[in-house]
Amino acid sequence: MKTKLFAIAKITRATGLKGDVGVRPLIRQFDEYVDRDLFIGFDENFAKDVKLTNVSGTGKKPRFHFEGLDSRDDAESMIGQLLFASINEKDPINLISPDLIGASVVTVSGEPIGTLVDMMSLPAHDAYVISNNNKEVLIPVVPEFIYSVDVMEGLVTISPVEGLLD
């Protein structure tokens, strides 16, 4: 199965003298993806693989140490770069891929709903913002409503319940 890279965090600061960095998660599922094969770079096309060797600190500001980053200078050179996780096409993270912006949205019966114009991160779950003429509809990104997502085709198929699209 083909794998691709998905940005899960941004390196925001150097911390300490031994090459540790602080990151800002870009997705709410960050903890689920940090154990995968990781890559660092400004762009997924130029990202290099890295090995996470230690996570320290508590709360909202954990510190990460990657193999080969052994000084503060090494850590400072990483600030601003993205941390990517390796994913496959069946991975649930594809449900919130920025590549879906502009995708057509249809029901399971093939009825066109509109175009996915934005994604929102709400406290309980993510939501698609679907535009149809002058009307916008929010669709929760949960398995009960999202039937399938095809990033390559630019198509999202939903299984709406009564009242969801009103």
C-alpha atoms as a PDB file:
ATOM      1  CA  MET A   1       0.000   0.000   0.000  1.00  0.00           C
ATOM      2  CA  LYS A   2       1.339   3.421  -0.968  1.00  0.00           C
ATOM      3  CA  THR A   3       2.393   5.709   1.867  1.00  0.00           C
ATOM      4  CA  LYS A   4       2.474   9.484   1.949  1.00  0.00           C
ATOM      5  CA  LEU A   5       3.438  12.127   4.477  1.00  0.00           C
ATOM      6  CA  PHE A   6       0.999  14.187   6.525  1.00  0.00           C
ATOM      7  CA  ALA A   7       2.040  17.236   8.579  1.00  0.00           C
ATOM      8  CA  ILE A   8       1.193  16.588  12.237  1.00  0.00           C
ATOM      9  CA  ALA A   9       3.171  19.341  14.007  1.00  0.00           C
ATOM     10  CA  LYS A  10       5.399  22.363  13.566  1.00  0.00           C
ATOM     11  CA  ILE A  11       8.704  22.746  15.382  1.00  0.00           C
ATOM     12  CA  THR A  12       8.395  26.000  17.302  1.00  0.00           C
ATOM     13  CA  ARG A  13      11.368  26.345  19.615  1.00  0.00           C
ATOM     14  CA  ALA A  14      14.658  24.964  20.856  1.00  0.00           C
ATOM     15  CA  THR A  15      14.611  24.019  24.505  1.00  0.00           C
ATOM     16  CA  GLY A  16      17.635  23.276  26.638  1.00  0.00           C
ATOM     17  CA  LEU A  17      21.182  22.696  25.451  1.00  0.00           C
ATOM     18  CA  LYS A  18      21.009  19.077  24.264  1.00  0.00           C
ATOM     19  CA  GLY A  19      19.011  19.421  21.027  1.00  0.00           C
ATOM     20  CA  ASP A  20      15.470  19.151  22.353  1.00  0.00           C
ATOM     21  CA  VAL A  21      12.709  20.940  20.455  1.00  0.00           C
ATOM     22  CA  GLY A  22       9.181  22.023  21.249  1.00  0.00           C
ATOM     23  CA  VAL A  23       6.391  21.379  18.772  1.00  0.00           C
ATOM     24  CA  ARG A  24       2.904  22.737  18.152  1.00  0.00           C
ATOM     25  CA  PRO A  25       0.493  19.978  17.069  1.00  0.00           C
ATOM     26  CA  LEU A  26      -1.383  20.739  13.851  1.00  0.00           C
ATOM     27  CA  ILE A  27      -3.986  18.006  14.321  1.00  0.00           C
ATOM     28  CA  ARG A  28      -6.010  16.896  17.299  1.00  0.00           C
ATOM     29  CA  GLN A  29      -4.922  13.265  16.715  1.00  0.00           C
ATOM     30  CA  PHE A  30      -1.242  14.170  17.160  1.00  0.00           C
ATOM     31  CA  ASP A  31      -0.588  11.588  19.910  1.00  0.00           C
ATOM     32  CA  GLU A  32      -1.880   8.778  17.680  1.00  0.00           C
ATOM     33  CA  TYR A  33       0.616   9.584  14.918  1.00  0.00           C
ATOM     34  CA  VAL A  34       3.810  10.471  16.789  1.00  0.00           C
ATOM     35  CA  ASP A  35       4.724   6.765  17.105  1.00  0.00           C
ATOM     36  CA  ARG A  36       4.853   6.281  13.324  1.00  0.00           C
ATOM     37  CA  ASP A  37       7.751   6.792  10.928  1.00  0.00           C
ATOM     38  CA  LEU A  38       8.534  10.504  11.220  1.00  0.00           C
ATOM     39  CA  PHE A  39      10.065  13.022   8.839  1.00  0.00           C
ATOM     40  CA  ILE A  40      11.146  16.660   9.240  1.00  0.00           C
ATOM     41  CA  GLY A  41      11.239  19.335   6.561  1.00  0.00           C
ATOM     42  CA  PHE A  42       9.741  22.545   5.263  1.00  0.00           C
ATOM     43  CA  ASP A  43       7.865  20.525   2.636  1.00  0.00           C
ATOM     44  CA  GLU A  44       6.890  16.857   2.373  1.00  0.00           C
ATOM     45  CA  ASN A  45       8.859  16.546  -0.887  1.00  0.00           C
ATOM     46  CA  PHE A  46      12.110  17.473   0.856  1.00  0.00           C
ATOM     47  CA  ALA A  47      11.513  15.957   4.296  1.00  0.00           C
ATOM     48  CA  LYS A  48      14.171  13.680   5.766  1.00  0.00           C
ATOM     49  CA  ASP A  49      13.432  10.775   8.048  1.00  0.00           C
ATOM     50  CA  VAL A  50      14.141  11.179  11.746  1.00  0.00           C
ATOM     51  CA  LYS A  51      13.982   8.957  14.776  1.00  0.00           C
ATOM     52  CA  LEU A  52      12.251  10.203  17.913  1.00  0.00           C
ATOM     53  CA  THR A  53      14.422   9.078  20.825  1.00  0.00           C
ATOM     54  CA  ASN A  54      12.821  10.803  23.797  1.00  0.00           C
ATOM     55  CA  VAL A  55       9.752  12.746  24.861  1.00  0.00           C
ATOM     56  CA  SER A  56      10.048  14.722  28.093  1.00  0.00           C
ATOM     57  CA  GLY A  57       8.156  17.450  29.848  1.00  0.00           C
ATOM     58  CA  THR A  58       4.539  17.449  30.825  1.00  0.00           C
ATOM     59  CA  GLY A  59       1.322  19.168  29.924  1.00  0.00           C
ATOM     60  CA  LYS A  60       0.985  21.285  26.836  1.00  0.00           C
ATOM     61  CA  LYS A  61       4.706  21.802  26.260  1.00  0.00           C
ATOM     62  CA  PRO A  62       6.400  18.443  25.775  1.00  0.00           C
ATOM     63  CA  ARG A  63       9.984  18.338  24.549  1.00  0.00           C
ATOM     64  CA  PHE A  64      11.053  16.030  21.749  1.00  0.00           C
ATOM     65  CA  HIS A  65      14.547  14.759  21.094  1.00  0.00           C
ATOM     66  CA  PHE A  66      15.442  13.369  17.684  1.00  0.00           C
ATOM     67  CA  GLU A  67      18.487  11.259  16.903  1.00  0.00           C
ATOM     68  CA  GLY A  68      21.270  13.444  15.500  1.00  0.00           C
ATOM     69  CA  LEU A  69      20.097  16.685  17.116  1.00  0.00           C
ATOM     70  CA  ASP A  70      22.623  16.977  19.911  1.00  0.00           C
ATOM     71  CA  SER A  71      23.059  20.706  20.502  1.00  0.00           C
ATOM     72  CA  ARG A  72      20.990  23.826  20.850  1.00  0.00           C
ATOM     73  CA  ASP A  73      22.324  24.983  17.464  1.00  0.00           C
ATOM     74  CA  ASP A  74      21.014  21.763  15.868  1.00  0.00           C
ATOM     75  CA  ALA A  75      17.629  22.324  17.492  1.00  0.00           C
ATOM     76  CA  GLU A  76      17.465  25.991  16.463  1.00  0.00           C
ATOM     77  CA  SER A  77      18.119  24.999  12.843  1.00  0.00           C
ATOM     78  CA  MET A  78      14.884  22.959  12.938  1.00  0.00           C
ATOM     79  CA  ILE A  79      12.591  25.809  14.067  1.00  0.00           C
ATOM     80  CA  GLY A  80       9.819  26.428  11.557  1.00  0.00           C
ATOM     81  CA  GLN A  81      10.057  23.013   9.951  1.00  0.00           C
ATOM     82  CA  LEU A  82       7.157  20.576   9.908  1.00  0.00           C
ATOM     83  CA  LEU A  83       6.993  17.162  11.514  1.00  0.00           C
ATOM     84  CA  PHE A  84       5.402  14.660   9.130  1.00  0.00           C
ATOM     85  CA  ALA A  85       4.039  11.195   9.865  1.00  0.00           C
ATOM     86  CA  SER A  86       3.925   8.393   7.342  1.00  0.00           C
ATOM     87  CA  ILE A  87       0.337   7.438   6.475  1.00  0.00           C
ATOM     88  CA  ASN A  88      -1.395   5.273   3.885  1.00  0.00           C
ATOM     89  CA  GLU A  89      -4.432   5.946   1.712  1.00  0.00           C
ATOM     90  CA  LYS A  90      -6.767   4.075   4.098  1.00  0.00           C
ATOM     91  CA  ASP A  91      -5.667   6.059   7.148  1.00  0.00           C
ATOM     92  CA  PRO A  92      -8.454   7.993   8.933  1.00  0.00           C
ATOM     93  CA  ILE A  93      -6.307  11.148   8.932  1.00  0.00           C
ATOM     94  CA  ASN A  94      -7.154  11.487   5.230  1.00  0.00           C
ATOM     95  CA  LEU A  95     -10.601  12.633   6.347  1.00  0.00           C
ATOM     96  CA  ILE A  96      -9.067  15.995   7.300  1.00  0.00           C
ATOM     97  CA  SER A  97      -6.507  16.298   4.508  1.00  0.00           C
ATOM     98  CA  PRO A  98      -6.174  19.852   3.136  1.00  0.00           C
ATOM     99  CA  ASP A  99      -6.167  18.188  -0.299  1.00  0.00           C
ATOM    100  CA  LEU A 100      -9.935  17.753   0.102  1.00  0.00           C
ATOM    101  CA  ILE A 101     -10.642  21.495  -0.175  1.00  0.00           C
ATOM    102  CA  GLY A 102     -12.573  21.923  -3.418  1.00  0.00           C
ATOM    103  CA  ALA A 103     -13.862  18.330  -3.432  1.00  0.00           C
ATOM    104  CA  SER A 104     -17.390  17.587  -4.587  1.00  0.00           C
ATOM    105  CA  VAL A 105     -19.732  16.321  -1.877  1.00  0.00           C
ATOM    106  CA  VAL A 106     -22.523  13.880  -2.726  1.00  0.00           C
ATOM    107  CA  THR A 107     -24.871  11.619  -0.782  1.00  0.00           C
ATOM    108  CA  VAL A 108     -24.627   7.823  -0.965  1.00  0.00           C
ATOM    109  CA  SER A 109     -27.501   7.941  -3.481  1.00  0.00           C
ATOM    110  CA  GLY A 110     -25.441  10.264  -5.725  1.00  0.00           C
ATOM    111  CA  GLU A 111     -27.328  13.498  -4.986  1.00  0.00           C
ATOM    112  CA  PRO A 112     -24.931  16.480  -5.231  1.00  0.00           C
ATOM    113  CA  ILE A 113     -24.686  18.479  -1.996  1.00  0.00           C
ATOM    114  CA  GLY A 114     -22.039  21.079  -2.848  1.00  0.00           C
ATOM    115  CA  THR A 115     -18.327  21.768  -2.585  1.00  0.00           C
ATOM    116  CA  LEU A 116     -16.103  21.316   0.449  1.00  0.00           C
ATOM    117  CA  VAL A 117     -14.747  24.838   1.017  1.00  0.00           C
ATOM    118  CA  ASP A 118     -13.227  24.622   4.500  1.00  0.00           C
ATOM    119  CA  MET A 119     -12.643  22.423   7.537  1.00  0.00           C
ATOM    120  CA  MET A 120     -13.214  23.457  11.123  1.00  0.00           C
ATOM    121  CA  SER A 121     -11.713  21.987  14.258  1.00  0.00           C
ATOM    122  CA  LEU A 122     -14.513  22.058  16.808  1.00  0.00           C
ATOM    123  CA  PRO A 123     -14.217  20.957  20.446  1.00  0.00           C
ATOM    124  CA  ALA A 124     -15.967  17.617  19.933  1.00  0.00           C
ATOM    125  CA  HIS A 125     -14.856  16.778  16.365  1.00  0.00           C
ATOM    126  CA  ASP A 126     -13.796  18.251  13.046  1.00  0.00           C
ATOM    127  CA  ALA A 127     -16.410  19.469  10.562  1.00  0.00           C
ATOM    128  CA  TYR A 128     -16.570  20.003   6.807  1.00  0.00           C
ATOM    129  CA  VAL A 129     -17.923  23.327   5.575  1.00  0.00           C
ATOM    130  CA  ILE A 130     -19.958  22.565   2.456  1.00  0.00           C
ATOM    131  CA  SER A 131     -21.023  25.401   0.164  1.00  0.00           C
ATOM    132  CA  ASN A 132     -24.006  25.093  -2.149  1.00  0.00           C
ATOM    133  CA  ASN A 133     -24.834  28.377  -3.913  1.00  0.00           C
ATOM    134  CA  ASN A 134     -25.361  30.875  -1.076  1.00  0.00           C
ATOM    135  CA  LYS A 135     -25.859  28.267   1.639  1.00  0.00           C
ATOM    136  CA  GLU A 136     -23.208  26.708   3.895  1.00  0.00           C
ATOM    137  CA  VAL A 137     -23.725  23.460   5.771  1.00  0.00           C
ATOM    138  CA  LEU A 138     -21.507  21.951   8.483  1.00  0.00           C
ATOM    139  CA  ILE A 139     -21.054  18.177   8.310  1.00  0.00           C
ATOM    140  CA  PRO A 140     -19.410  16.497  11.332  1.00  0.00           C
ATOM    141  CA  VAL A 141     -16.387  14.425  10.323  1.00  0.00           C
ATOM    142  CA  VAL A 142     -17.485  11.262  12.098  1.00  0.00           C
ATOM    143  CA  PRO A 143     -17.940   7.733  10.696  1.00  0.00           C
ATOM    144  CA  GLU A 144     -21.713   7.955  11.093  1.00  0.00           C
ATOM    145  CA  PHE A 145     -21.895  10.682   8.409  1.00  0.00           C
ATOM    146  CA  ILE A 146     -18.794  10.262   6.232  1.00  0.00           C
ATOM    147  CA  TYR A 147     -19.334   7.244   3.986  1.00  0.00           C
ATOM    148  CA  SER A 148     -16.168   7.577   1.893  1.00  0.00           C
ATOM    149  CA  VAL A 149     -13.426  10.020   0.946  1.00  0.00           C
ATOM    150  CA  ASP A 150     -11.472   9.847  -2.299  1.00  0.00           C
ATOM    151  CA  VAL A 151      -8.692  12.430  -2.218  1.00  0.00           C
ATOM    152  CA  MET A 152      -7.449  11.515  -5.709  1.00  0.00           C
ATOM    153  CA  GLU A 153     -10.906  11.924  -7.283  1.00  0.00           C
ATOM    154  CA  GLY A 154     -11.809  14.934  -5.140  1.00  0.00           C
ATOM    155  CA  LEU A 155     -15.001  13.297  -3.939  1.00  0.00           C
ATOM    156  CA  VAL A 156     -16.572  13.046  -0.486  1.00  0.00           C
ATOM    157  CA  THR A 157     -19.601  10.798  -0.074  1.00  0.00           C
ATOM    158  CA  ILE A 158     -21.791  11.379   2.963  1.00  0.00           C
ATOM    159  CA  SER A 159     -24.609   9.455   4.574  1.00  0.00           C
ATOM    160  CA  PRO A 160     -26.785  12.255   5.978  1.00  0.00           C
ATOM    161  CA  VAL A 161     -29.545  11.793   8.513  1.00  0.00           C
ATOM    162  CA  GLU A 162     -32.786  13.707   8.230  1.00  0.00           C
ATOM    163  CA  GLY A 163     -32.301  17.382   9.058  1.00  0.00           C
ATOM    164  CA  LEU A 164     -28.498  17.399   8.669  1.00  0.00           C
ATOM    165  CA  LEU A 165     -28.591  19.337   5.404  1.00  0.00           C
ATOM    166  CA  ASP A 166     -31.404  21.757   6.347  1.00  0.00           C
END
